[in-house]
């Protein structure tokens, strides 16, 4: 949601923009512990970094 607001402002200014987001929790199902963001935060961060690094490498 936060990136949508940034994207709108950037689009109005005519500037390029990309948002890289990573899911860090589950939407329902499973026990309360398995739905905690802390359980998946490290994996989500690693995935976001991997995507960002690959994207940057494609720009060169």
PDB file of N, CA and C in Angstrom:
ATOM      1  N   UNK A   1       0.805  -1.191   0.000  1.00  0.00           N
ATOM      2  CA  UNK A   1       0.000   0.000   0.000  1.00  0.00           C
ATOM      3  C   UNK A   1       0.854   1.264   0.000  1.00  0.00           C
ATOM      4  N   UNK A   2       1.919   1.256   0.798  1.00  0.00           N
ATOM      5  CA  UNK A   2       2.755   2.451   0.871  1.00  0.00           C
ATOM      6  C   UNK A   2       3.390   2.764  -0.471  1.00  0.00           C
ATOM      7  N   UNK A   3       3.796   1.742  -1.194  1.00  0.00           N
ATOM      8  CA  UNK A   3       4.444   1.979  -2.484  1.00  0.00           C
ATOM      9  C   UNK A   3       3.459   2.505  -3.517  1.00  0.00           C
ATOM     10  N   UNK A   4       2.176   2.246  -3.351  1.00  0.00           N
ATOM     11  CA  UNK A   4       1.175   2.761  -4.290  1.00  0.00           C
ATOM     12  C   UNK A   4       1.117   4.286  -4.224  1.00  0.00           C
ATOM     13  N   UNK A   5       1.203   4.846  -3.040  1.00  0.00           N
ATOM     14  CA  UNK A   5       1.194   6.299  -2.891  1.00  0.00           C
ATOM     15  C   UNK A   5       2.437   6.916  -3.517  1.00  0.00           C
ATOM     16  N   UNK A   6       3.578   6.292  -3.289  1.00  0.00           N
ATOM     17  CA  UNK A   6       4.825   6.780  -3.888  1.00  0.00           C
ATOM     18  C   UNK A   6       4.745   6.681  -5.405  1.00  0.00           C
ATOM     19  N   UNK A   7       4.241   5.566  -5.910  1.00  0.00           N
ATOM     20  CA  UNK A   7       4.119   5.368  -7.354  1.00  0.00           C
ATOM     21  C   UNK A   7       3.227   6.432  -7.979  1.00  0.00           C
ATOM     22  N   UNK A   8       2.139   6.780  -7.322  1.00  0.00           N
ATOM     23  CA  UNK A   8       1.231   7.803  -7.844  1.00  0.00           C
ATOM     24  C   UNK A   8       1.931   9.152  -7.959  1.00  0.00           C
ATOM     25  N   UNK A   9       2.624   9.559  -6.920  1.00  0.00           N
ATOM     26  CA  UNK A   9       3.322  10.848  -6.936  1.00  0.00           C
ATOM     27  C   UNK A   9       4.419  10.857  -7.996  1.00  0.00           C
ATOM     28  N   UNK A  10       5.180   9.780  -8.069  1.00  0.00           N
ATOM     29  CA  UNK A  10       6.267   9.694  -9.041  1.00  0.00           C
ATOM     30  C   UNK A  10       5.712   9.714 -10.463  1.00  0.00           C
ATOM     31  N   UNK A  11       4.615   9.003 -10.694  1.00  0.00           N
ATOM     32  CA  UNK A  11       3.994   8.990 -12.024  1.00  0.00           C
ATOM     33  C   UNK A  11       3.512  10.381 -12.410  1.00  0.00           C
ATOM     34  N   UNK A  12       2.968  11.118 -11.458  1.00  0.00           N
ATOM     35  CA  UNK A  12       2.518  12.482 -11.728  1.00  0.00           C
ATOM     36  C   UNK A  12       3.685  13.390 -12.097  1.00  0.00           C
ATOM     37  N   UNK A  13       4.855  13.075 -11.578  1.00  0.00           N
ATOM     38  CA  UNK A  13       6.053  13.857 -11.884  1.00  0.00           C
ATOM     39  C   UNK A  13       6.763  13.361 -13.134  1.00  0.00           C
ATOM     40  N   UNK A  14       6.320  12.231 -13.671  1.00  0.00           N
ATOM     41  CA  UNK A  14       6.917  11.687 -14.890  1.00  0.00           C
ATOM     42  C   UNK A  14       8.275  11.039 -14.684  1.00  0.00           C
ATOM     43  N   UNK A  15       8.552  10.633 -13.471  1.00  0.00           N
ATOM     44  CA  UNK A  15       9.849  10.012 -13.176  1.00  0.00           C
ATOM     45  C   UNK A  15       9.709   8.491 -13.162  1.00  0.00           C
ATOM     46  N   UNK A  16      10.794   7.777 -13.462  1.00  0.00           N
ATOM     47  CA  UNK A  16      10.737   6.311 -13.402  1.00  0.00           C
ATOM     48  C   UNK A  16      10.656   5.835 -11.953  1.00  0.00           C
ATOM     49  N   UNK A  17      10.049   4.688 -11.766  1.00  0.00           N
ATOM     50  CA  UNK A  17       9.854   4.164 -10.415  1.00  0.00           C
ATOM     51  C   UNK A  17       9.691   2.652 -10.467  1.00  0.00           C
ATOM     52  N   UNK A  18      10.258   1.982  -9.509  1.00  0.00           N
ATOM     53  CA  UNK A  18      10.013   0.553  -9.320  1.00  0.00           C
ATOM     54  C   UNK A  18       9.951   0.290  -7.823  1.00  0.00           C
ATOM     55  N   UNK A  19       9.026  -0.555  -7.433  1.00  0.00           N
ATOM     56  CA  UNK A  19       8.913  -0.965  -6.032  1.00  0.00           C
ATOM     57  C   UNK A  19       9.230  -2.446  -5.953  1.00  0.00           C
ATOM     58  N   UNK A  20      10.083  -2.805  -5.031  1.00  0.00           N
ATOM     59  CA  UNK A  20      10.391  -4.212  -4.781  1.00  0.00           C
ATOM     60  C   UNK A  20       9.904  -4.515  -3.376  1.00  0.00           C
ATOM     61  N   UNK A  21       8.908  -5.379  -3.307  1.00  0.00           N
ATOM     62  CA  UNK A  21       8.310  -5.718  -2.020  1.00  0.00           C
ATOM     63  C   UNK A  21       8.456  -7.207  -1.776  1.00  0.00           C
ATOM     64  N   UNK A  22       8.440  -7.565  -0.529  1.00  0.00           N
ATOM     65  CA  UNK A  22       8.551  -8.972  -0.173  1.00  0.00           C
ATOM     66  C   UNK A  22       7.582  -9.275   0.960  1.00  0.00           C
ATOM     67  N   UNK A  23       6.824 -10.317   0.807  1.00  0.00           N
ATOM     68  CA  UNK A  23       5.860 -10.731   1.817  1.00  0.00           C
ATOM     69  C   UNK A  23       6.591 -11.284   3.029  1.00  0.00           C
ATOM     70  N   UNK A  24       6.215 -10.833   4.221  1.00  0.00           N
ATOM     71  CA  UNK A  24       6.918 -11.286   5.419  1.00  0.00           C
ATOM     72  C   UNK A  24       6.019 -12.014   6.415  1.00  0.00           C
ATOM     73  N   UNK A  25       4.769 -12.241   6.051  1.00  0.00           N
ATOM     74  CA  UNK A  25       3.898 -13.019   6.931  1.00  0.00           C
ATOM     75  C   UNK A  25       2.815 -13.700   6.106  1.00  0.00           C
ATOM     76  N   UNK A  26       2.068 -14.555   6.746  1.00  0.00           N
ATOM     77  CA  UNK A  26       1.006 -15.285   6.068  1.00  0.00           C
ATOM     78  C   UNK A  26      -0.335 -14.609   6.314  1.00  0.00           C
ATOM     79  N   UNK A  27      -1.252 -14.804   5.413  1.00  0.00           N
ATOM     80  CA  UNK A  27      -2.608 -14.279   5.571  1.00  0.00           C
ATOM     81  C   UNK A  27      -3.507 -15.422   6.033  1.00  0.00           C
ATOM     82  N   UNK A  28      -3.544 -15.657   7.321  1.00  0.00           N
ATOM     83  CA  UNK A  28      -4.416 -16.689   7.868  1.00  0.00           C
ATOM     84  C   UNK A  28      -3.834 -18.078   7.765  1.00  0.00           C
ATOM     85  N   UNK A  29      -4.519 -19.012   8.373  1.00  0.00           N
ATOM     86  CA  UNK A  29      -4.091 -20.399   8.336  1.00  0.00           C
ATOM     87  C   UNK A  29      -2.948 -20.655   9.290  1.00  0.00           C
ATOM     88  N   UNK A  30      -2.892 -21.827   9.822  1.00  0.00           N
ATOM     89  CA  UNK A  30      -1.796 -22.190  10.710  1.00  0.00           C
ATOM     90  C   UNK A  30      -1.942 -21.584  12.091  1.00  0.00           C
ATOM     91  N   UNK A  31      -0.998 -21.869  12.930  1.00  0.00           N
ATOM     92  CA  UNK A  31      -1.016 -21.356  14.297  1.00  0.00           C
ATOM     93  C   UNK A  31      -0.610 -19.890  14.327  1.00  0.00           C
ATOM     94  N   UNK A  32      -0.870 -19.258  15.457  1.00  0.00           N
ATOM     95  CA  UNK A  32      -0.520 -17.839  15.603  1.00  0.00           C
ATOM     96  C   UNK A  32       0.974 -17.626  15.428  1.00  0.00           C
ATOM     97  N   UNK A  33       1.790 -18.564  15.943  1.00  0.00           N
ATOM     98  CA  UNK A  33       3.245 -18.416  15.833  1.00  0.00           C
ATOM     99  C   UNK A  33       3.707 -18.456  14.379  1.00  0.00           C
ATOM    100  N   UNK A  34       3.048 -19.303  13.570  1.00  0.00           N
ATOM    101  CA  UNK A  34       3.492 -19.448  12.182  1.00  0.00           C
ATOM    102  C   UNK A  34       3.090 -18.263  11.323  1.00  0.00           C
ATOM    103  N   UNK A  35       2.208 -17.403  11.833  1.00  0.00           N
ATOM    104  CA  UNK A  35       1.776 -16.232  11.078  1.00  0.00           C
ATOM    105  C   UNK A  35       2.498 -14.960  11.500  1.00  0.00           C
ATOM    106  N   UNK A  36       3.451 -15.071  12.392  1.00  0.00           N
ATOM    107  CA  UNK A  36       4.184 -13.900  12.855  1.00  0.00           C
ATOM    108  C   UNK A  36       5.195 -13.443  11.812  1.00  0.00           C
ATOM    109  N   UNK A  37       5.278 -12.145  11.610  1.00  0.00           N
ATOM    110  CA  UNK A  37       6.211 -11.589  10.627  1.00  0.00           C
ATOM    111  C   UNK A  37       7.651 -11.971  10.948  1.00  0.00           C
ATOM    112  N   UNK A  38       7.995 -12.061  12.216  1.00  0.00           N
ATOM    113  CA  UNK A  38       9.360 -12.389  12.608  1.00  0.00           C
ATOM    114  C   UNK A  38       9.824 -13.747  12.112  1.00  0.00           C
ATOM    115  N   UNK A  39       8.873 -14.649  11.907  1.00  0.00           N
ATOM    116  CA  UNK A  39       9.213 -15.984  11.428  1.00  0.00           C
ATOM    117  C   UNK A  39       9.772 -15.918  10.009  1.00  0.00           C
ATOM    118  N   UNK A  40       9.241 -15.007   9.206  1.00  0.00           N
ATOM    119  CA  UNK A  40       9.607 -14.933   7.798  1.00  0.00           C
ATOM    120  C   UNK A  40      10.415 -13.691   7.428  1.00  0.00           C
ATOM    121  N   UNK A  41      10.706 -12.825   8.390  1.00  0.00           N
ATOM    122  CA  UNK A  41      11.369 -11.557   8.086  1.00  0.00           C
ATOM    123  C   UNK A  41      12.724 -11.748   7.414  1.00  0.00           C
ATOM    124  N   UNK A  42      13.543 -12.649   7.908  1.00  0.00           N
ATOM    125  CA  UNK A  42      14.874 -12.852   7.320  1.00  0.00           C
ATOM    126  C   UNK A  42      14.770 -13.375   5.895  1.00  0.00           C
ATOM    127  N   UNK A  43      13.884 -14.341   5.669  1.00  0.00           N
ATOM    128  CA  UNK A  43      13.705 -14.883   4.323  1.00  0.00           C
ATOM    129  C   UNK A  43      13.154 -13.819   3.379  1.00  0.00           C
ATOM    130  N   UNK A  44      12.199 -13.033   3.848  1.00  0.00           N
ATOM    131  CA  UNK A  44      11.633 -11.967   3.022  1.00  0.00           C
ATOM    132  C   UNK A  44      12.707 -10.947   2.651  1.00  0.00           C
ATOM    133  N   UNK A  45      13.564 -10.600   3.600  1.00  0.00           N
ATOM    134  CA  UNK A  45      14.649  -9.654   3.332  1.00  0.00           C
ATOM    135  C   UNK A  45      15.632 -10.224   2.318  1.00  0.00           C
ATOM    136  N   UNK A  46      15.991 -11.491   2.474  1.00  0.00           N
ATOM    137  CA  UNK A  46      16.911 -12.132   1.525  1.00  0.00           C
ATOM    138  C   UNK A  46      16.315 -12.159   0.122  1.00  0.00           C
ATOM    139  N   UNK A  47      15.034 -12.462   0.023  1.00  0.00           N
ATOM    140  CA  UNK A  47      14.376 -12.494  -1.286  1.00  0.00           C
ATOM    141  C   UNK A  47      14.335 -11.110  -1.927  1.00  0.00           C
ATOM    142  N   UNK A  48      14.035 -10.085  -1.140  1.00  0.00           N
ATOM    143  CA  UNK A  48      13.991  -8.724  -1.668  1.00  0.00           C
ATOM    144  C   UNK A  48      15.368  -8.284  -2.162  1.00  0.00           C
ATOM    145  N   UNK A  49      16.404  -8.608  -1.410  1.00  0.00           N
ATOM    146  CA  UNK A  49      17.771  -8.262  -1.824  1.00  0.00           C
ATOM    147  C   UNK A  49      18.141  -8.988  -3.111  1.00  0.00           C
ATOM    148  N   UNK A  50      17.801 -10.264  -3.202  1.00  0.00           N
ATOM    149  CA  UNK A  50      18.122 -11.038  -4.408  1.00  0.00           C
ATOM    150  C   UNK A  50      17.459 -10.438  -5.639  1.00  0.00           C
ATOM    151  N   UNK A  51      16.208 -10.034  -5.502  1.00  0.00           N
ATOM    152  CA  UNK A  51      15.497  -9.423  -6.630  1.00  0.00           C
ATOM    153  C   UNK A  51      16.120  -8.078  -6.986  1.00  0.00           C
ATOM    154  N   UNK A  52      16.431  -7.262  -5.983  1.00  0.00           N
ATOM    155  CA  UNK A  52      17.025  -5.952  -6.239  1.00  0.00           C
ATOM    156  C   UNK A  52      18.386  -6.079  -6.918  1.00  0.00           C
ATOM    157  N   UNK A  53      19.211  -6.997  -6.447  1.00  0.00           N
ATOM    158  CA  UNK A  53      20.538  -7.200  -7.042  1.00  0.00           C
ATOM    159  C   UNK A  53      20.406  -7.656  -8.490  1.00  0.00           C
ATOM    160  N   UNK A  54      19.505  -8.584  -8.760  1.00  0.00           N
ATOM    161  CA  UNK A  54      19.300  -9.064 -10.129  1.00  0.00           C
ATOM    162  C   UNK A  54      18.790  -7.931 -11.013  1.00  0.00           C
ATOM    163  N   UNK A  55      17.848  -7.146 -10.517  1.00  0.00           N
ATOM    164  CA  UNK A  55      17.308  -6.023 -11.286  1.00  0.00           C
ATOM    165  C   UNK A  55      18.418  -5.032 -11.636  1.00  0.00           C
ATOM    166  N   UNK A  56      19.242  -4.690 -10.669  1.00  0.00           N
ATOM    167  CA  UNK A  56      20.339  -3.746 -10.906  1.00  0.00           C
ATOM    168  C   UNK A  56      21.331  -4.314 -11.913  1.00  0.00           C
ATOM    169  N   UNK A  57      21.602  -5.612 -11.829  1.00  0.00           N
ATOM    170  CA  UNK A  57      22.542  -6.217 -12.782  1.00  0.00           C
ATOM    171  C   UNK A  57      22.005  -6.161 -14.209  1.00  0.00           C
ATOM    172  N   UNK A  58      20.700  -6.203 -14.361  1.00  0.00           N
ATOM    173  CA  UNK A  58      20.101  -6.134 -15.696  1.00  0.00           C
ATOM    174  C   UNK A  58      20.147  -4.722 -16.278  1.00  0.00           C
ATOM    175  N   UNK A  59      20.342  -3.722 -15.438  1.00  0.00           N
ATOM    176  CA  UNK A  59      20.433  -2.336 -15.906  1.00  0.00           C
ATOM    177  C   UNK A  59      21.785  -2.030 -16.535  1.00  0.00           C
ATOM    178  N   UNK A  60      22.804  -2.780 -16.177  1.00  0.00           N
ATOM    179  CA  UNK A  60      24.155  -2.502 -16.661  1.00  0.00           C
ATOM    180  C   UNK A  60      24.344  -3.019 -18.064  1.00  0.00           C
TER     181      UNK A  60
END
